[in-house]
Each structure stands twice: as C-alpha cells, then as structure tokens.
C-alpha cells in the first residue's frame, strides 16, 4: 500500500490506474520502472547504477552488463626461472568491458548535461 500511495503522489491517480501492477508484479516494481523511465528515458540505454552497468529499455533492465572493479589489483609473480619479476597489473577486465563502461559513463554524463540545459 505504501508504494501505491507513493506512486499516486508522484504520478497521479490516472497513471496509477493505467500502470497498476498485473500478475506477480508489485507496486514497488512498478514504481522503480516508472522512476527509471523518468531518469533515463524510454529508449534503449546503457546506464550505470553504482558500479554496475545495465542495458535498459522502457525503464526495465534487460541485461546486467557487468560490474566495475573498484580498484586494480597487483600481484608479485615469478618467471619461468624462479626469479621474482616486477609487479604486474592483473587484468580485471577486457578491453570490451572498458569500452562498455566508458559508453555507460558517457551516456550518464550526457543525460546530466541535457537535464541542466532543460532547467
């Protein structure tokens, strides 16, 4: 009932009637999807939520694209002769992951720029 009241307060009773949950969906699920629609739009988008990257369409998460490592890890390694080598950076993600997160960051930045122009 709380989520229903919050939905009605934010989007009105007409929208609450139109978007009323069906089947196994709850008012909380409907609220989250509608909020995401307001934040990112209806089209197909790559968004960042925290350290996670998602593919979103019409406010619904279509696919989890991955998580960003908070920091790169280093480790000591030994070469074939048993000698200690210099610290090497352990690959935490592929180049495609880095490109994906870059695109997600750019979409997020452009969304904020569009909002500031509208205000």
Protein backbone atom coordinates (compact mmCIF):
# COMPACT_ATOMS: atom_id res chain seq x y z
CA UNK A 1 0.00 0.00 0.00
CA UNK A 2 2.94 2.34 0.72
CA UNK A 3 4.31 2.03 -2.83
CA UNK A 4 0.85 2.54 -4.31
CA UNK A 5 0.42 5.76 -2.32
CA UNK A 6 3.91 6.95 -3.31
CA UNK A 7 3.14 6.22 -6.96
CA UNK A 8 -0.16 8.13 -6.80
CA UNK A 9 1.53 11.06 -5.08
CA UNK A 10 4.30 11.29 -7.66
CA UNK A 11 2.48 10.48 -10.93
CA UNK A 12 -1.20 10.93 -10.10
CA UNK A 13 -4.19 8.65 -9.79
CA UNK A 14 -4.77 8.36 -13.55
CA UNK A 15 -1.27 6.99 -14.14
CA UNK A 16 -1.63 4.72 -11.11
CA UNK A 17 -4.77 3.24 -12.65
CA UNK A 18 -3.06 2.83 -16.03
CA UNK A 19 0.19 1.32 -14.67
CA UNK A 20 -1.43 -0.82 -11.94
CA UNK A 21 0.61 -3.99 -11.41
CA UNK A 22 -0.51 -7.21 -13.06
CA UNK A 23 0.40 -10.83 -12.34
CA UNK A 24 3.31 -11.14 -9.91
CA UNK A 25 4.48 -7.51 -10.07
CA UNK A 26 4.23 -5.34 -7.00
CA UNK A 27 3.68 -1.61 -6.68
CA UNK A 28 7.33 -1.32 -5.71
CA UNK A 29 8.37 -2.89 -9.05
CA UNK A 30 6.05 -0.58 -10.98
CA UNK A 31 7.39 2.45 -9.07
CA UNK A 32 11.03 1.51 -9.77
CA UNK A 33 10.40 1.02 -13.51
CA UNK A 34 8.50 4.31 -13.81
CA UNK A 35 11.21 6.15 -11.86
CA UNK A 36 13.87 4.71 -14.16
CA UNK A 37 11.81 5.84 -17.19
CA UNK A 38 11.79 9.37 -15.79
CA UNK A 39 15.54 9.31 -15.14
CA UNK A 40 16.86 7.70 -18.34
CA UNK A 41 14.01 7.81 -20.85
CA UNK A 42 12.18 5.14 -22.80
CA UNK A 43 14.74 4.19 -25.44
CA UNK A 44 17.43 1.54 -25.33
CA UNK A 45 20.15 2.84 -23.00
CA UNK A 46 23.27 1.69 -21.23
CA UNK A 47 23.15 3.01 -17.69
CA UNK A 48 25.34 2.88 -14.63
CA UNK A 49 23.81 2.22 -11.23
CA UNK A 50 26.55 2.18 -8.66
CA UNK A 51 29.39 0.05 -10.04
CA UNK A 52 27.03 -1.99 -12.21
CA UNK A 53 26.24 -1.45 -15.87
CA UNK A 54 22.82 -2.35 -17.29
CA UNK A 55 21.08 -2.40 -20.63
CA UNK A 56 17.68 -0.74 -20.10
CA UNK A 57 14.65 -0.44 -22.39
CA UNK A 58 11.45 1.36 -21.38
CA UNK A 59 12.62 1.53 -17.77
CA UNK A 60 13.11 -2.22 -17.45
CA UNK A 61 16.53 -3.76 -17.02
CA UNK A 62 17.05 -6.08 -19.97
CA UNK A 63 20.50 -7.32 -19.08
CA UNK A 64 23.25 -6.87 -16.49
CA UNK A 65 26.34 -5.99 -18.49
CA UNK A 66 28.90 -6.29 -15.73
CA UNK A 67 30.44 -4.68 -12.70
CA UNK A 68 33.34 -2.33 -12.44
CA UNK A 69 36.20 -3.33 -10.16
CA UNK A 70 36.72 -0.57 -7.56
CA UNK A 71 40.48 -0.72 -7.99
CA UNK A 72 43.01 -2.73 -9.96
CA UNK A 73 44.89 -5.44 -8.13
CA UNK A 74 48.62 -6.04 -8.27
CA UNK A 75 50.46 -9.23 -7.50
CA UNK A 76 54.03 -10.50 -7.39
CA UNK A 77 54.86 -13.16 -9.90
CA UNK A 78 57.81 -15.37 -10.62
CA UNK A 79 59.14 -16.00 -14.11
CA UNK A 80 60.00 -19.44 -15.53
CA UNK A 81 63.45 -19.48 -13.87
CA UNK A 82 62.03 -18.91 -10.39
CA UNK A 83 63.25 -15.32 -10.24
CA UNK A 84 60.97 -12.68 -8.87
CA UNK A 85 59.72 -10.30 -11.53
CA UNK A 86 58.38 -6.79 -11.14
CA UNK A 87 54.80 -6.18 -10.01
CA UNK A 88 52.33 -6.74 -12.80
CA UNK A 89 48.80 -5.45 -13.00
CA UNK A 90 46.32 -8.31 -13.02
CA UNK A 91 43.84 -7.84 -15.85
CA UNK A 92 40.49 -7.25 -14.15
CA UNK A 93 38.53 -6.67 -17.32
CA UNK A 94 38.92 -6.95 -21.05
CA UNK A 95 39.13 -4.02 -23.44
CA UNK A 96 35.49 -4.58 -24.37
CA UNK A 97 34.47 -4.17 -20.73
CA UNK A 98 36.44 -0.93 -20.52
CA UNK A 99 34.76 0.38 -23.68
CA UNK A 100 31.36 -0.65 -22.34
CA UNK A 101 31.88 1.21 -19.07
CA UNK A 102 33.18 4.23 -20.97
CA UNK A 103 29.98 4.29 -23.07
CA UNK A 104 27.90 3.94 -19.90
CA UNK A 105 29.76 6.83 -18.28
CA UNK A 106 29.30 8.97 -21.40
CA UNK A 107 25.54 8.25 -21.50
CA UNK A 108 25.28 9.20 -17.83
CA UNK A 109 27.26 12.42 -18.37
CA UNK A 110 25.24 13.39 -21.44
CA UNK A 111 21.98 12.78 -19.56
CA UNK A 112 23.09 15.19 -16.81
CA UNK A 113 24.12 17.77 -19.44
CA UNK A 114 20.73 17.50 -21.17
CA UNK A 115 18.94 17.96 -17.84
CA UNK A 116 20.93 21.10 -16.99
CA UNK A 117 20.12 22.62 -20.41
CA UNK A 118 16.41 21.99 -19.86
CA UNK A 119 16.47 23.71 -16.48
